C-alpha atoms as a PDB file:
ATOM      1  CA  MET A   1     -32.626  19.620  15.911  1.00  0.00           C
ATOM      2  CA  VAL A   2     -31.613  16.601  13.911  1.00  0.00           C
ATOM      3  CA  ILE A   3     -28.598  14.552  14.966  1.00  0.00           C
ATOM      4  CA  LEU A   4     -27.048  12.418  12.291  1.00  0.00           C
ATOM      5  CA  ARG A   5     -24.537   9.628  12.689  1.00  0.00           C
ATOM      6  CA  LEU A   6     -22.909   8.015   9.693  1.00  0.00           C
ATOM      7  CA  THR A   7     -23.316   4.534  11.047  1.00  0.00           C
ATOM      8  CA  ARG A   8     -27.078   5.029  11.034  1.00  0.00           C
ATOM      9  CA  ILE A   9     -27.232   5.997   7.380  1.00  0.00           C
ATOM     10  CA  PRO A  10     -27.412   2.842   5.218  1.00  0.00           C
ATOM     11  CA  ILE A  11     -26.522   3.374   1.576  1.00  0.00           C
ATOM     12  CA  SER A  12     -28.120   1.035  -0.919  1.00  0.00           C
ATOM     13  CA  LEU A  13     -27.705   0.532  -4.636  1.00  0.00           C
ATOM     14  CA  PHE A  14     -30.581   0.501  -7.074  1.00  0.00           C
ATOM     15  CA  MET A  15     -28.852  -0.889 -10.146  1.00  0.00           C
ATOM     16  CA  GLN A  16     -27.396  -4.146 -11.356  1.00  0.00           C
ATOM     17  CA  PRO A  17     -23.675  -4.834 -10.720  1.00  0.00           C
ATOM     18  CA  PRO A  18     -21.554  -3.240 -13.466  1.00  0.00           C
ATOM     19  CA  SER A  19     -19.332  -5.185 -15.768  1.00  0.00           C
ATOM     20  CA  LEU A  20     -16.083  -3.300 -15.036  1.00  0.00           C
ATOM     21  CA  LEU A  21     -15.024  -5.673 -12.281  1.00  0.00           C
ATOM     22  CA  SER A  22     -16.964  -8.729 -11.157  1.00  0.00           C
ATOM     23  CA  PRO A  23     -18.393  -8.047  -7.673  1.00  0.00           C
ATOM     24  CA  LYS A  24     -18.861 -10.497  -4.884  1.00  0.00           C
ATOM     25  CA  PRO A  25     -22.184 -12.380  -4.987  1.00  0.00           C
ATOM     26  CA  THR A  26     -24.833 -10.165  -3.448  1.00  0.00           C
ATOM     27  CA  ASN A  27     -28.526  -9.457  -3.253  1.00  0.00           C
ATOM     28  CA  SER A  28     -30.076  -6.942  -5.637  1.00  0.00           C
ATOM     29  CA  LEU A  29     -30.522  -4.444  -2.797  1.00  0.00           C
ATOM     30  CA  LEU A  30     -27.248  -4.225  -0.916  1.00  0.00           C
ATOM     31  CA  SER A  31     -26.781  -2.105   2.197  1.00  0.00           C
ATOM     32  CA  PHE A  32     -23.467  -0.377   2.697  1.00  0.00           C
ATOM     33  CA  LYS A  33     -21.328  -1.023   5.704  1.00  0.00           C
ATOM     34  CA  PRO A  34     -20.346   2.223   7.472  1.00  0.00           C
ATOM     35  CA  LEU A  35     -18.206   4.368   5.183  1.00  0.00           C
ATOM     36  CA  LEU A  36     -15.522   4.380   7.869  1.00  0.00           C
ATOM     37  CA  ARG A  37     -13.897   1.040   8.664  1.00  0.00           C
ATOM     38  CA  SER A  38     -13.688   0.279  12.353  1.00  0.00           C
ATOM     39  CA  ALA A  39     -11.120  -2.544  12.484  1.00  0.00           C
ATOM     40  CA  ALA A  40      -8.260  -0.281  13.522  1.00  0.00           C
ATOM     41  CA  PRO A  41      -5.650  -0.174  16.271  1.00  0.00           C
ATOM     42  CA  LYS A  42      -6.769   1.591  19.408  1.00  0.00           C
ATOM     43  CA  THR A  43      -5.383   4.977  20.366  1.00  0.00           C
ATOM     44  CA  THR A  44      -6.257   7.804  22.724  1.00  0.00           C
ATOM     45  CA  LEU A  45      -7.392  10.963  20.988  1.00  0.00           C
ATOM     46  CA  SER A  46      -8.798  13.922  22.858  1.00  0.00           C
ATOM     47  CA  ALA A  47     -11.675  15.836  21.309  1.00  0.00           C
ATOM     48  CA  ALA A  48     -10.721  19.117  19.702  1.00  0.00           C
ATOM     49  CA  GLU A  49     -12.222  21.737  17.439  1.00  0.00           C
ATOM     50  CA  PRO A  50     -11.403  21.481  13.717  1.00  0.00           C
ATOM     51  CA  ILE A  51      -8.238  23.379  12.828  1.00  0.00           C
ATOM     52  CA  PRO A  52      -7.359  24.674   9.365  1.00  0.00           C
ATOM     53  CA  ILE A  53      -4.200  23.614   7.582  1.00  0.00           C
ATOM     54  CA  SER A  54      -3.577  27.066   6.154  1.00  0.00           C
ATOM     55  CA  ASP A  55      -3.214  30.365   8.005  1.00  0.00           C
ATOM     56  CA  LYS A  56      -6.908  31.168   7.692  1.00  0.00           C
ATOM     57  CA  ALA A  57      -9.955  29.111   8.514  1.00  0.00           C
ATOM     58  CA  PRO A  58     -11.392  27.096   5.623  1.00  0.00           C
ATOM     59  CA  GLU A  59     -14.042  28.973   3.716  1.00  0.00           C
ATOM     60  CA  GLU A  60     -17.550  27.717   4.078  1.00  0.00           C
ATOM     61  CA  ALA A  61     -19.733  26.768   1.167  1.00  0.00           C
ATOM     62  CA  PRO A  62     -23.185  28.368   0.812  1.00  0.00           C
ATOM     63  CA  ILE A  63     -25.501  26.581   3.230  1.00  0.00           C
ATOM     64  CA  GLU A  64     -28.068  25.626   0.605  1.00  0.00           C
ATOM     65  CA  THR A  65     -27.185  21.957   0.269  1.00  0.00           C
ATOM     66  CA  PRO A  66     -30.173  19.749   1.088  1.00  0.00           C
ATOM     67  CA  LEU A  67     -29.649  17.695   4.207  1.00  0.00           C
ATOM     68  CA  ASP A  68     -29.974  14.414   2.307  1.00  0.00           C
ATOM     69  CA  ARG A  69     -27.102  15.424  -0.002  1.00  0.00           C
ATOM     70  CA  LEU A  70     -24.618  16.171   2.785  1.00  0.00           C
ATOM     71  CA  PHE A  71     -21.888  13.869   4.070  1.00  0.00           C
ATOM     72  CA  VAL A  72     -22.168  14.074   7.856  1.00  0.00           C
ATOM     73  CA  PRO A  73     -19.297  12.415   9.763  1.00  0.00           C
ATOM     74  CA  PRO A  74     -20.039  10.358  12.877  1.00  0.00           C
ATOM     75  CA  GLU A  75     -20.515  12.205  16.165  1.00  0.00           C
ATOM     76  CA  THR A  76     -21.460  15.404  14.315  1.00  0.00           C
ATOM     77  CA  ASP A  77     -24.637  17.347  15.048  1.00  0.00           C
ATOM     78  CA  VAL A  78     -26.331  19.179  12.179  1.00  0.00           C
ATOM     79  CA  PRO A  79     -29.155  21.580  13.035  1.00  0.00           C
ATOM     80  CA  SER A  80     -31.955  21.501  10.476  1.00  0.00           C
ATOM     81  CA  VAL A  81     -33.022  24.772   8.869  1.00  0.00           C
ATOM     82  CA  GLY A  82     -35.466  24.411   5.996  1.00  0.00           C
ATOM     83  CA  VAL A  83     -33.940  22.242   3.292  1.00  0.00           C
ATOM     84  CA  GLY A  84     -30.384  23.144   4.211  1.00  0.00           C
ATOM     85  CA  VAL A  85     -28.295  23.294   7.370  1.00  0.00           C
ATOM     86  CA  GLY A  86     -27.888  25.884  10.063  1.00  0.00           C
ATOM     87  CA  ASP A  87     -24.530  26.577  11.672  1.00  0.00           C
ATOM     88  CA  ALA A  88     -22.783  23.497  10.280  1.00  0.00           C
ATOM     89  CA  ARG A  89     -19.427  24.203   8.653  1.00  0.00           C
ATOM     90  CA  ILE A  90     -19.239  22.753   5.160  1.00  0.00           C
ATOM     91  CA  LEU A  91     -15.934  22.463   3.337  1.00  0.00           C
ATOM     92  CA  LYS A  92     -15.801  24.807   0.349  1.00  0.00           C
ATOM     93  CA  GLY A  93     -16.603  23.174  -2.980  1.00  0.00           C
ATOM     94  CA  SER A  94     -17.928  20.014  -1.341  1.00  0.00           C
ATOM     95  CA  ASN A  95     -20.846  18.428   0.512  1.00  0.00           C
ATOM     96  CA  ILE A  96     -18.725  17.521   3.547  1.00  0.00           C
ATOM     97  CA  VAL A  97     -19.548  18.741   7.045  1.00  0.00           C
ATOM     98  CA  LEU A  98     -16.544  19.416   9.284  1.00  0.00           C
ATOM     99  CA  SER A  99     -16.374  17.443  12.501  1.00  0.00           C
ATOM    100  CA  LYS A 100     -14.307  17.590  15.691  1.00  0.00           C
ATOM    101  CA  TYR A 101     -11.944  15.016  14.161  1.00  0.00           C
ATOM    102  CA  ALA A 102     -10.697  17.413  11.438  1.00  0.00           C
ATOM    103  CA  ARG A 103      -7.298  18.114  12.971  1.00  0.00           C
ATOM    104  CA  ASP A 104      -3.612  17.342  12.377  1.00  0.00           C
ATOM    105  CA  ALA A 105      -4.156  17.690   8.639  1.00  0.00           C
ATOM    106  CA  GLN A 106      -0.846  19.337   7.774  1.00  0.00           C
ATOM    107  CA  VAL A 107       1.591  17.421   5.568  1.00  0.00           C
ATOM    108  CA  VAL A 108       5.016  17.828   7.152  1.00  0.00           C
ATOM    109  CA  GLN A 109       6.847  14.896   5.572  1.00  0.00           C
ATOM    110  CA  ALA A 110       6.192  12.707   2.545  1.00  0.00           C
ATOM    111  CA  GLU A 111       8.276   9.883   1.125  1.00  0.00           C
ATOM    112  CA  PHE A 112       7.902   7.088  -1.381  1.00  0.00           C
ATOM    113  CA  VAL A 113       8.031   3.695   0.347  1.00  0.00           C
ATOM    114  CA  LYS A 114       7.487   0.924  -2.208  1.00  0.00           C
ATOM    115  CA  SER A 115       5.636  -0.374  -5.261  1.00  0.00           C
ATOM    116  CA  SER A 116       3.668  -3.626  -5.075  1.00  0.00           C
ATOM    117  CA  VAL A 117       1.751  -5.780  -7.520  1.00  0.00           C
ATOM    118  CA  ARG A 118       0.058  -7.888  -4.841  1.00  0.00           C
ATOM    119  CA  THR A 119      -1.919  -6.791  -1.801  1.00  0.00           C
ATOM    120  CA  GLU A 120       0.115  -9.074   0.445  1.00  0.00           C
ATOM    121  CA  ASP A 121       3.300  -7.256  -0.629  1.00  0.00           C
ATOM    122  CA  CYS A 122       2.041  -3.871   0.575  1.00  0.00           C
ATOM    123  CA  PRO A 123       3.455  -2.331   3.792  1.00  0.00           C
ATOM    124  CA  SER A 124       2.449  -4.322   6.864  1.00  0.00           C
ATOM    125  CA  ASP A 125       2.896  -1.673   9.576  1.00  0.00           C
ATOM    126  CA  GLY A 126      -0.870  -1.208  10.040  1.00  0.00           C
ATOM    127  CA  LEU A 127      -0.952   2.520   9.283  1.00  0.00           C
ATOM    128  CA  PRO A 128      -4.212   3.900   7.830  1.00  0.00           C
ATOM    129  CA  GLU A 129      -4.217   4.681   4.119  1.00  0.00           C
ATOM    130  CA  PHE A 130      -6.166   6.477   1.403  1.00  0.00           C
ATOM    131  CA  ALA A 131      -6.112   5.153  -2.163  1.00  0.00           C
ATOM    132  CA  LEU A 132      -6.285   7.419  -5.219  1.00  0.00           C
ATOM    133  CA  VAL A 133      -7.746   5.849  -8.350  1.00  0.00           C
ATOM    134  CA  GLY A 134      -9.254   7.177 -11.555  1.00  0.00           C
ATOM    135  CA  ARG A 135      -9.389   7.001 -15.309  1.00  0.00           C
ATOM    136  CA  SER A 136      -5.998   7.384 -16.979  1.00  0.00           C
ATOM    137  CA  ASN A 137      -5.065  11.019 -17.605  1.00  0.00           C
ATOM    138  CA  VAL A 138      -7.483  12.264 -14.928  1.00  0.00           C
ATOM    139  CA  GLY A 139      -4.623  14.053 -13.145  1.00  0.00           C
ATOM    140  CA  LYS A 140      -4.058  11.590 -10.317  1.00  0.00           C
ATOM    141  CA  SER A 141      -0.293  12.011  -9.928  1.00  0.00           C
ATOM    142  CA  SER A 142      -0.592  15.791 -10.240  1.00  0.00           C
ATOM    143  CA  LEU A 143      -3.155  15.828  -7.436  1.00  0.00           C
ATOM    144  CA  LEU A 144      -0.924  13.678  -5.239  1.00  0.00           C
ATOM    145  CA  ASN A 145       1.992  16.060  -5.815  1.00  0.00           C
ATOM    146  CA  SER A 146      -0.269  19.011  -5.003  1.00  0.00           C
ATOM    147  CA  LEU A 147      -1.405  17.442  -1.735  1.00  0.00           C
ATOM    148  CA  VAL A 148       2.168  17.061  -0.469  1.00  0.00           C
ATOM    149  CA  ARG A 149       3.492  20.215  -2.229  1.00  0.00           C
ATOM    150  CA  ARG A 150       6.219  18.324  -4.049  1.00  0.00           C
ATOM    151  CA  LYS A 151       6.468  18.412  -7.816  1.00  0.00           C
ATOM    152  CA  ARG A 152       8.194  15.073  -8.304  1.00  0.00           C
ATOM    153  CA  LEU A 153       6.954  12.860  -5.474  1.00  0.00           C
ATOM    154  CA  ALA A 154       4.726  10.933  -7.868  1.00  0.00           C
ATOM    155  CA  LEU A 155       5.641  10.255 -11.478  1.00  0.00           C
ATOM    156  CA  THR A 156       3.707  12.482 -13.858  1.00  0.00           C
ATOM    157  CA  SER A 157       3.665  11.907 -17.576  1.00  0.00           C
ATOM    158  CA  LYS A 158       1.943  13.150 -20.731  1.00  0.00           C
ATOM    159  CA  LYS A 159       1.419   9.500 -21.599  1.00  0.00           C
ATOM    160  CA  PRO A 160      -1.495   8.010 -19.616  1.00  0.00           C
ATOM    161  CA  GLY A 161      -1.091   4.682 -17.864  1.00  0.00           C
ATOM    162  CA  LYS A 162       2.382   5.180 -16.357  1.00  0.00           C
ATOM    163  CA  THR A 163       1.282   3.966 -12.916  1.00  0.00           C
ATOM    164  CA  GLN A 164       1.241   0.168 -13.109  1.00  0.00           C
ATOM    165  CA  CYS A 165       1.684  -0.794  -9.450  1.00  0.00           C
ATOM    166  CA  ILE A 166       0.277  -0.085  -6.009  1.00  0.00           C
ATOM    167  CA  ASN A 167       2.525   2.781  -4.909  1.00  0.00           C
ATOM    168  CA  HIS A 168       2.684   3.669  -1.210  1.00  0.00           C
ATOM    169  CA  PHE A 169       3.745   7.134  -0.008  1.00  0.00           C
ATOM    170  CA  ARG A 170       4.155   7.532   3.770  1.00  0.00           C
ATOM    171  CA  ILE A 171       2.918  10.856   5.160  1.00  0.00           C
ATOM    172  CA  ASN A 172       4.236  12.234   8.470  1.00  0.00           C
ATOM    173  CA  ASP A 173       5.350   8.682   9.359  1.00  0.00           C
ATOM    174  CA  SER A 174       1.754   8.034  10.407  1.00  0.00           C
ATOM    175  CA  TRP A 175      -0.425   7.322   7.339  1.00  0.00           C
ATOM    176  CA  TYR A 176      -0.261   6.522   3.619  1.00  0.00           C
ATOM    177  CA  LEU A 177      -1.355   7.966   0.316  1.00  0.00           C
ATOM    178  CA  VAL A 178      -1.643   5.152  -2.223  1.00  0.00           C
ATOM    179  CA  ASP A 179      -1.395   5.751  -5.971  1.00  0.00           C
ATOM    180  CA  LEU A 180      -3.216   3.036  -7.926  1.00  0.00           C
ATOM    181  CA  PRO A 181      -3.123   2.222 -11.664  1.00  0.00           C
ATOM    182  CA  GLY A 182      -5.454   4.228 -13.859  1.00  0.00           C
ATOM    183  CA  TYR A 183      -8.246   2.510 -15.742  1.00  0.00           C
ATOM    184  CA  GLY A 184      -9.796   2.918 -19.158  1.00  0.00           C
ATOM    185  CA  TYR A 185      -6.685   3.668 -21.235  1.00  0.00           C
ATOM    186  CA  ALA A 186      -7.257   1.799 -24.497  1.00  0.00           C
ATOM    187  CA  ALA A 187      -3.609   1.973 -25.655  1.00  0.00           C
ATOM    188  CA  ALA A 188      -2.434  -0.203 -22.759  1.00  0.00           C
ATOM    189  CA  PRO A 189      -2.048  -3.901 -23.655  1.00  0.00           C
ATOM    190  CA  GLN A 190      -5.125  -5.971 -22.811  1.00  0.00           C
ATOM    191  CA  GLU A 191      -3.065  -8.324 -20.628  1.00  0.00           C
ATOM    192  CA  LEU A 192      -1.805  -5.399 -18.526  1.00  0.00           C
ATOM    193  CA  ARG A 193      -5.288  -3.903 -18.209  1.00  0.00           C
ATOM    194  CA  THR A 194      -6.592  -7.245 -16.943  1.00  0.00           C
ATOM    195  CA  ASP A 195      -3.776  -7.603 -14.415  1.00  0.00           C
ATOM    196  CA  TRP A 196      -4.285  -4.054 -13.127  1.00  0.00           C
ATOM    197  CA  ALA A 197      -7.996  -4.687 -12.613  1.00  0.00           C
ATOM    198  CA  LYS A 198      -7.252  -7.960 -10.834  1.00  0.00           C
ATOM    199  CA  PHE A 199      -4.779  -6.696  -8.249  1.00  0.00           C
ATOM    200  CA  THR A 200      -6.579  -3.383  -7.770  1.00  0.00           C
ATOM    201  CA  LYS A 201      -9.810  -5.266  -7.062  1.00  0.00           C
ATOM    202  CA  ASP A 202      -8.003  -7.524  -4.586  1.00  0.00           C
ATOM    203  CA  TYR A 203      -6.495  -4.494  -2.853  1.00  0.00           C
ATOM    204  CA  PHE A 204      -9.915  -2.862  -2.435  1.00  0.00           C
ATOM    205  CA  LEU A 205     -11.544  -5.989  -1.075  1.00  0.00           C
ATOM    206  CA  ASN A 206      -8.788  -7.255   1.222  1.00  0.00           C
ATOM    207  CA  ARG A 207      -6.735  -4.293   2.443  1.00  0.00           C
ATOM    208  CA  SER A 208      -7.772  -3.976   6.099  1.00  0.00           C
ATOM    209  CA  THR A 209      -6.004  -0.624   6.629  1.00  0.00           C
ATOM    210  CA  LEU A 210      -7.835   1.099   3.765  1.00  0.00           C
ATOM    211  CA  VAL A 211      -9.841   4.007   5.215  1.00  0.00           C
ATOM    212  CA  SER A 212     -11.326   5.293   1.959  1.00  0.00           C
ATOM    213  CA  VAL A 213     -10.915   5.180  -1.813  1.00  0.00           C
ATOM    214  CA  PHE A 214     -10.708   8.580  -3.469  1.00  0.00           C
ATOM    215  CA  LEU A 215     -12.213   8.138  -6.934  1.00  0.00           C
ATOM    216  CA  LEU A 216     -11.017  10.894  -9.282  1.00  0.00           C
ATOM    217  CA  ILE A 217     -13.434  12.219 -11.915  1.00  0.00           C
ATOM    218  CA  ASP A 218     -12.516  14.726 -14.665  1.00  0.00           C
ATOM    219  CA  ALA A 219     -14.896  17.661 -14.147  1.00  0.00           C
ATOM    220  CA  SER A 220     -13.887  19.393 -17.380  1.00  0.00           C
ATOM    221  CA  ILE A 221     -15.830  16.852 -19.469  1.00  0.00           C
ATOM    222  CA  PRO A 222     -19.254  15.186 -19.206  1.00  0.00           C
ATOM    223  CA  ALA A 223     -19.619  12.044 -17.118  1.00  0.00           C
ATOM    224  CA  LYS A 224     -18.231   8.854 -18.661  1.00  0.00           C
ATOM    225  CA  SER A 225     -19.895   5.481 -18.232  1.00  0.00           C
ATOM    226  CA  ILE A 226     -16.670   3.822 -17.072  1.00  0.00           C
ATOM    227  CA  ASP A 227     -16.457   6.260 -14.133  1.00  0.00           C
ATOM    228  CA  LEU A 228     -20.071   5.585 -13.203  1.00  0.00           C
ATOM    229  CA  GLU A 229     -19.445   1.845 -13.403  1.00  0.00           C
ATOM    230  CA  TYR A 230     -16.382   2.136 -11.183  1.00  0.00           C
ATOM    231  CA  ALA A 231     -18.259   4.188  -8.577  1.00  0.00           C
ATOM    232  CA  SER A 232     -21.082   1.663  -8.660  1.00  0.00           C
ATOM    233  CA  TRP A 233     -18.695  -1.291  -8.262  1.00  0.00           C
ATOM    234  CA  LEU A 234     -17.089   0.318  -5.213  1.00  0.00           C
ATOM    235  CA  GLY A 235     -20.531   0.788  -3.697  1.00  0.00           C
ATOM    236  CA  GLN A 236     -21.692  -2.692  -4.624  1.00  0.00           C
ATOM    237  CA  ASN A 237     -18.686  -4.131  -2.819  1.00  0.00           C
ATOM    238  CA  GLN A 238     -19.062  -1.869   0.218  1.00  0.00           C
ATOM    239  CA  ILE A 239     -15.793   0.022  -0.320  1.00  0.00           C
ATOM    240  CA  PRO A 240     -15.706   3.446   1.428  1.00  0.00           C
ATOM    241  CA  MET A 241     -15.501   6.097  -1.301  1.00  0.00           C
ATOM    242  CA  THR A 242     -15.011   9.847  -1.792  1.00  0.00           C
ATOM    243  CA  LEU A 243     -15.514  11.486  -5.189  1.00  0.00           C
ATOM    244  CA  ILE A 244     -12.717  13.896  -6.147  1.00  0.00           C
ATOM    245  CA  PHE A 245     -13.565  16.104  -9.135  1.00  0.00           C
ATOM    246  CA  THR A 246     -10.351  17.200 -10.904  1.00  0.00           C
ATOM    247  CA  LYS A 247      -9.512  19.926 -13.443  1.00  0.00           C
ATOM    248  CA  CYS A 248     -12.149  22.288 -12.054  1.00  0.00           C
ATOM    249  CA  ASP A 249     -10.116  25.250 -13.327  1.00  0.00           C
ATOM    250  CA  LYS A 250     -10.802  24.341 -16.971  1.00  0.00           C
ATOM    251  CA  ARG A 251     -13.565  26.093 -18.879  1.00  0.00           C
ATOM    252  CA  LYS A 252     -14.832  24.598 -22.131  1.00  0.00           C
ATOM    253  CA  LYS A 253     -16.175  26.914 -24.809  1.00  0.00           C
ATOM    254  CA  LYS A 254     -19.947  27.183 -24.771  1.00  0.00           C
ATOM    255  CA  LYS A 255     -20.092  27.459 -28.564  1.00  0.00           C
ATOM    256  CA  THR A 256     -18.665  23.940 -28.882  1.00  0.00           C
ATOM    257  CA  GLY A 257     -21.222  22.542 -26.478  1.00  0.00           C
ATOM    258  CA  GLY A 258     -18.925  22.474 -23.466  1.00  0.00           C
ATOM    259  CA  LYS A 259     -20.173  22.774 -19.904  1.00  0.00           C
ATOM    260  CA  ARG A 260     -18.642  24.469 -16.912  1.00  0.00           C
ATOM    261  CA  PRO A 261     -17.034  22.109 -14.350  1.00  0.00           C
ATOM    262  CA  GLU A 262     -19.789  22.966 -11.878  1.00  0.00           C
ATOM    263  CA  GLU A 263     -22.366  21.703 -14.356  1.00  0.00           C
ATOM    264  CA  ASN A 264     -20.489  18.453 -14.989  1.00  0.00           C
ATOM    265  CA  VAL A 265     -20.078  17.940 -11.247  1.00  0.00           C
ATOM    266  CA  TYR A 266     -23.801  18.464 -10.738  1.00  0.00           C
ATOM    267  CA  ASP A 267     -24.652  16.056 -13.569  1.00  0.00           C
ATOM    268  CA  PHE A 268     -22.367  13.356 -12.134  1.00  0.00           C
ATOM    269  CA  GLN A 269     -23.875  13.777  -8.683  1.00  0.00           C
ATOM    270  CA  GLU A 270     -27.352  13.365 -10.118  1.00  0.00           C
ATOM    271  CA  LEU A 271     -26.315  10.102 -11.782  1.00  0.00           C
ATOM    272  CA  VAL A 272     -24.607   8.840  -8.631  1.00  0.00           C
ATOM    273  CA  HIS A 273     -27.613   9.843  -6.562  1.00  0.00           C
ATOM    274  CA  GLY A 274     -29.570   7.306  -8.544  1.00  0.00           C
ATOM    275  CA  PHE A 275     -27.167   4.567  -7.420  1.00  0.00           C
ATOM    276  CA  PHE A 276     -27.224   5.281  -3.693  1.00  0.00           C
ATOM    277  CA  LYS A 277     -29.698   6.132  -0.975  1.00  0.00           C
ATOM    278  CA  SER A 278     -27.302   8.670   0.550  1.00  0.00           C
ATOM    279  CA  ALA A 279     -24.849  10.849  -1.334  1.00  0.00           C
ATOM    280  CA  PRO A 280     -21.143   9.950  -0.973  1.00  0.00           C
ATOM    281  CA  PRO A 281     -18.718  12.731  -0.002  1.00  0.00           C
ATOM    282  CA  TRP A 282     -17.320  14.809  -2.886  1.00  0.00           C
ATOM    283  CA  ILE A 283     -14.819  17.652  -3.354  1.00  0.00           C
ATOM    284  CA  MET A 284     -13.999  19.923  -6.325  1.00  0.00           C
ATOM    285  CA  THR A 285     -10.255  20.326  -7.012  1.00  0.00           C
ATOM    286  CA  SER A 286      -7.617  21.726  -9.347  1.00  0.00           C
ATOM    287  CA  SER A 287      -3.931  20.819  -9.258  1.00  0.00           C
ATOM    288  CA  VAL A 288      -3.169  24.025 -11.161  1.00  0.00           C
ATOM    289  CA  THR A 289      -4.719  26.407  -8.620  1.00  0.00           C
ATOM    290  CA  ASN A 290      -4.561  24.042  -5.610  1.00  0.00           C
ATOM    291  CA  GLN A 291      -8.319  24.369  -5.248  1.00  0.00           C
ATOM    292  CA  GLY A 292      -9.575  21.684  -2.883  1.00  0.00           C
ATOM    293  CA  ARG A 293      -6.149  20.810  -1.462  1.00  0.00           C
ATOM    294  CA  ASP A 294      -6.904  21.947   2.085  1.00  0.00           C
ATOM    295  CA  GLU A 295     -10.392  20.473   1.883  1.00  0.00           C
ATOM    296  CA  ILE A 296      -9.092  17.030   0.885  1.00  0.00           C
ATOM    297  CA  LEU A 297      -6.534  16.990   3.697  1.00  0.00           C
ATOM    298  CA  LEU A 298      -9.109  18.074   6.281  1.00  0.00           C
ATOM    299  CA  HIS A 299     -11.522  15.410   5.036  1.00  0.00           C
ATOM    300  CA  MET A 300      -8.763  12.775   5.194  1.00  0.00           C
ATOM    301  CA  ALA A 301      -7.860  13.936   8.703  1.00  0.00           C
ATOM    302  CA  GLN A 302     -11.352  13.541  10.093  1.00  0.00           C
ATOM    303  CA  LEU A 303     -11.820  10.141   8.467  1.00  0.00           C
ATOM    304  CA  ARG A 304      -8.397   9.008   9.691  1.00  0.00           C
ATOM    305  CA  ASN A 305      -8.787  10.244  13.276  1.00  0.00           C
ATOM    306  CA  TYR A 306     -12.205   8.652  13.643  1.00  0.00           C
ATOM    307  CA  TRP A 307     -10.860   5.395  12.146  1.00  0.00           C
ATOM    308  CA  LEU A 308      -7.969   5.361  14.615  1.00  0.00           C
ATOM    309  CA  LYS A 309     -10.195   6.006  17.616  1.00  0.00           C
ATOM    310  CA  HIS A 310     -12.640   3.273  16.717  1.00  0.00           C
END
């Protein structure tokens, strides 16, 4: 039997810092800090079995994922069977193993709190938060609306680049979803693009209540260099990250050279695998079919509950 703890899995980069955002000075081989931040308020949480957020238990993915490609939360035992795992429960359409902290994932209440353009202007109540960021038109606002089951909670638009601030949405009066400006939209003025990069970078580096960044990647198209650069920058600067693959319901025509979302997801993982020693967590989603909604909320719950306890 092999027992894995996240804090014992260093993640290192094997590439030069990207040019998207200037990272902090660092050595060429940089070890990650634990993917879960530990500077959190203390609380008392009793251990409990994972509970689903829908009426039925979450479906399990085929147990063929190699052990070194799994995301294993802290305090989670994974029995080794060949190149895969034994009785471990893996969230469907992901590489994430469920832990005892995957509870209280239901969204009962959601409300917009405020927009900020500086990290210091963000809410100061100390609640844990998850930031959503991605290339413009990746479907970020649609995913946020899907997570809370409200069509108009976040502003959606056919014109990319509508989100220009750090937008905080309080969930169940106990944690935040944070909608960040999209990147890579060429039609936005250069001055605005620079400002967005500046305050987004500052938020990532200095927001002490940030549990994880959810980096959204369009799975209906091949990997783009700007997404790879952004993922690499987050790793280079030791920012906890989860890859969220969007638009997994879309199927491109084979005759025009298109690939299925599963193929694009696999290709992106292979490229990311070259950046890191250990694979970051990832989930396949669709805002149209709500694929991945329960999985994201369960993943957020186990990250959040561990963060609160430690």
